[in-house]
Amino acid sequence: MGHAVMLPDALYQKIQEYAARSAQEPDELIVAWVEDAAQQATLPEIPADLANDPLFQIAGMFASDQPGWVDRHDEYLAEE
């Protein structure tokens, strides 16, 4: 199974240049980088009391088209 990832043209151009210098195909290089990053990644542990919290279990379940405080924090700070 394969998946597609959209990259900006300028970034892909850099990847192509690097791949050519290292005698690899761009897709092989990208897969190697992602595999390396995945091996180095560590997920934070969630405390048991938080993991069992009913509100935590539904966190991120819903999406809204309305911007929240994270998106508008500069506006809120400017109001004060």
C-alpha atoms as a PDB file:
ATOM      1  CA  MET A   1       0.000   0.000   0.000  1.00  0.00           C
ATOM      2  CA  GLY A   2       1.290   3.484  -0.781  1.00  0.00           C
ATOM      3  CA  HIS A   3       0.371   6.942   0.344  1.00  0.00           C
ATOM      4  CA  ALA A   4       0.905  10.345  -1.235  1.00  0.00           C
ATOM      5  CA  VAL A   5       2.260  13.362   0.589  1.00  0.00           C
ATOM      6  CA  MET A   6       2.012  16.828  -0.923  1.00  0.00           C
ATOM      7  CA  LEU A   7       5.222  18.838  -0.662  1.00  0.00           C
ATOM      8  CA  PRO A   8       5.878  22.387  -1.824  1.00  0.00           C
ATOM      9  CA  ASP A   9       7.764  22.454  -5.121  1.00  0.00           C
ATOM     10  CA  ALA A  10      10.754  24.264  -3.605  1.00  0.00           C
ATOM     11  CA  LEU A  11      11.127  21.614  -0.898  1.00  0.00           C
ATOM     12  CA  TYR A  12      10.802  18.739  -3.356  1.00  0.00           C
ATOM     13  CA  GLN A  13      13.440  20.373  -5.567  1.00  0.00           C
ATOM     14  CA  LYS A  14      15.868  20.368  -2.623  1.00  0.00           C
ATOM     15  CA  ILE A  15      15.069  16.717  -1.945  1.00  0.00           C
ATOM     16  CA  GLN A  16      15.702  15.851  -5.608  1.00  0.00           C
ATOM     17  CA  GLU A  17      19.056  17.638  -5.541  1.00  0.00           C
ATOM     18  CA  TYR A  18      20.105  15.892  -2.318  1.00  0.00           C
ATOM     19  CA  ALA A  19      18.957  12.525  -3.673  1.00  0.00           C
ATOM     20  CA  ALA A  20      20.948  13.015  -6.885  1.00  0.00           C
ATOM     21  CA  ARG A  21      24.105  13.809  -4.881  1.00  0.00           C
ATOM     22  CA  SER A  22      23.636  10.687  -2.771  1.00  0.00           C
ATOM     23  CA  ALA A  23      22.751   8.427  -5.745  1.00  0.00           C
ATOM     24  CA  GLN A  24      19.237   7.696  -4.447  1.00  0.00           C
ATOM     25  CA  GLU A  25      15.728   8.223  -5.699  1.00  0.00           C
ATOM     26  CA  PRO A  26      13.790  11.009  -3.905  1.00  0.00           C
ATOM     27  CA  ASP A  27      11.122   8.581  -2.663  1.00  0.00           C
ATOM     28  CA  GLU A  28      13.768   6.243  -1.200  1.00  0.00           C
ATOM     29  CA  LEU A  29      15.375   9.168   0.585  1.00  0.00           C
ATOM     30  CA  ILE A  30      12.067  10.405   1.990  1.00  0.00           C
ATOM     31  CA  VAL A  31      11.128   6.913   3.231  1.00  0.00           C
ATOM     32  CA  ALA A  32      14.515   6.566   4.946  1.00  0.00           C
ATOM     33  CA  TRP A  33      14.111   9.951   6.657  1.00  0.00           C
ATOM     34  CA  VAL A  34      10.586   9.154   7.834  1.00  0.00           C
ATOM     35  CA  GLU A  35      11.622   5.720   9.128  1.00  0.00           C
ATOM     36  CA  ASP A  36      14.519   7.297  11.017  1.00  0.00           C
ATOM     37  CA  ALA A  37      12.252   9.958  12.505  1.00  0.00           C
ATOM     38  CA  ALA A  38       9.671   7.332  13.508  1.00  0.00           C
ATOM     39  CA  GLN A  39      12.320   5.272  15.311  1.00  0.00           C
ATOM     40  CA  GLN A  40      13.508   8.324  17.234  1.00  0.00           C
ATOM     41  CA  ALA A  41      10.023   9.562  18.114  1.00  0.00           C
ATOM     42  CA  THR A  42       8.756   9.036  21.627  1.00  0.00           C
ATOM     43  CA  LEU A  43       5.172   9.495  22.653  1.00  0.00           C
ATOM     44  CA  PRO A  44       4.509  11.084  26.021  1.00  0.00           C
ATOM     45  CA  GLU A  45       2.922   8.850  28.623  1.00  0.00           C
ATOM     46  CA  ILE A  46      -0.560   9.843  29.693  1.00  0.00           C
ATOM     47  CA  PRO A  47      -1.159   9.582  33.445  1.00  0.00           C
ATOM     48  CA  ALA A  48      -3.725   6.865  34.245  1.00  0.00           C
ATOM     49  CA  ASP A  49      -6.101   9.270  35.991  1.00  0.00           C
ATOM     50  CA  LEU A  50      -6.139  11.532  32.922  1.00  0.00           C
ATOM     51  CA  ALA A  51      -6.443   8.676  30.443  1.00  0.00           C
ATOM     52  CA  ASN A  52      -9.562   7.449  32.256  1.00  0.00           C
ATOM     53  CA  ASP A  53     -11.158  10.909  32.392  1.00  0.00           C
ATOM     54  CA  PRO A  54     -14.338  10.902  30.221  1.00  0.00           C
ATOM     55  CA  LEU A  55     -13.614  14.408  28.905  1.00  0.00           C
ATOM     56  CA  PHE A  56     -10.092  13.432  27.865  1.00  0.00           C
ATOM     57  CA  GLN A  57     -11.446  10.435  25.978  1.00  0.00           C
ATOM     58  CA  ILE A  58     -13.569  12.655  23.716  1.00  0.00           C
ATOM     59  CA  ALA A  59     -10.953  15.407  23.315  1.00  0.00           C
ATOM     60  CA  GLY A  60     -10.380  16.201  19.649  1.00  0.00           C
ATOM     61  CA  MET A  61     -13.428  14.236  18.574  1.00  0.00           C
ATOM     62  CA  PHE A  62     -15.238  17.246  17.140  1.00  0.00           C
ATOM     63  CA  ALA A  63     -14.210  19.880  14.612  1.00  0.00           C
ATOM     64  CA  SER A  64     -15.522  23.378  14.132  1.00  0.00           C
ATOM     65  CA  ASP A  65     -15.162  25.934  11.374  1.00  0.00           C
ATOM     66  CA  GLN A  66     -15.138  28.664  14.009  1.00  0.00           C
ATOM     67  CA  PRO A  67     -11.696  29.862  15.103  1.00  0.00           C
ATOM     68  CA  GLY A  68     -10.997  29.202  18.763  1.00  0.00           C
ATOM     69  CA  TRP A  69      -8.831  31.047  21.266  1.00  0.00           C
ATOM     70  CA  VAL A  70      -5.709  29.336  19.940  1.00  0.00           C
ATOM     71  CA  ASP A  71      -6.301  30.811  16.493  1.00  0.00           C
ATOM     72  CA  ARG A  72      -7.257  34.251  17.815  1.00  0.00           C
ATOM     73  CA  HIS A  73      -4.988  34.702  20.850  1.00  0.00           C
ATOM     74  CA  ASP A  74      -3.239  37.743  19.330  1.00  0.00           C
ATOM     75  CA  GLU A  75      -6.587  39.495  18.900  1.00  0.00           C
ATOM     76  CA  TYR A  76      -7.583  38.743  22.477  1.00  0.00           C
ATOM     77  CA  LEU A  77      -4.260  40.009  23.844  1.00  0.00           C
ATOM     78  CA  ALA A  78      -4.549  43.189  21.769  1.00  0.00           C
ATOM     79  CA  GLU A  79      -7.976  43.915  23.299  1.00  0.00           C
ATOM     80  CA  GLU A  80      -6.554  44.201  26.809  1.00  0.00           C
END
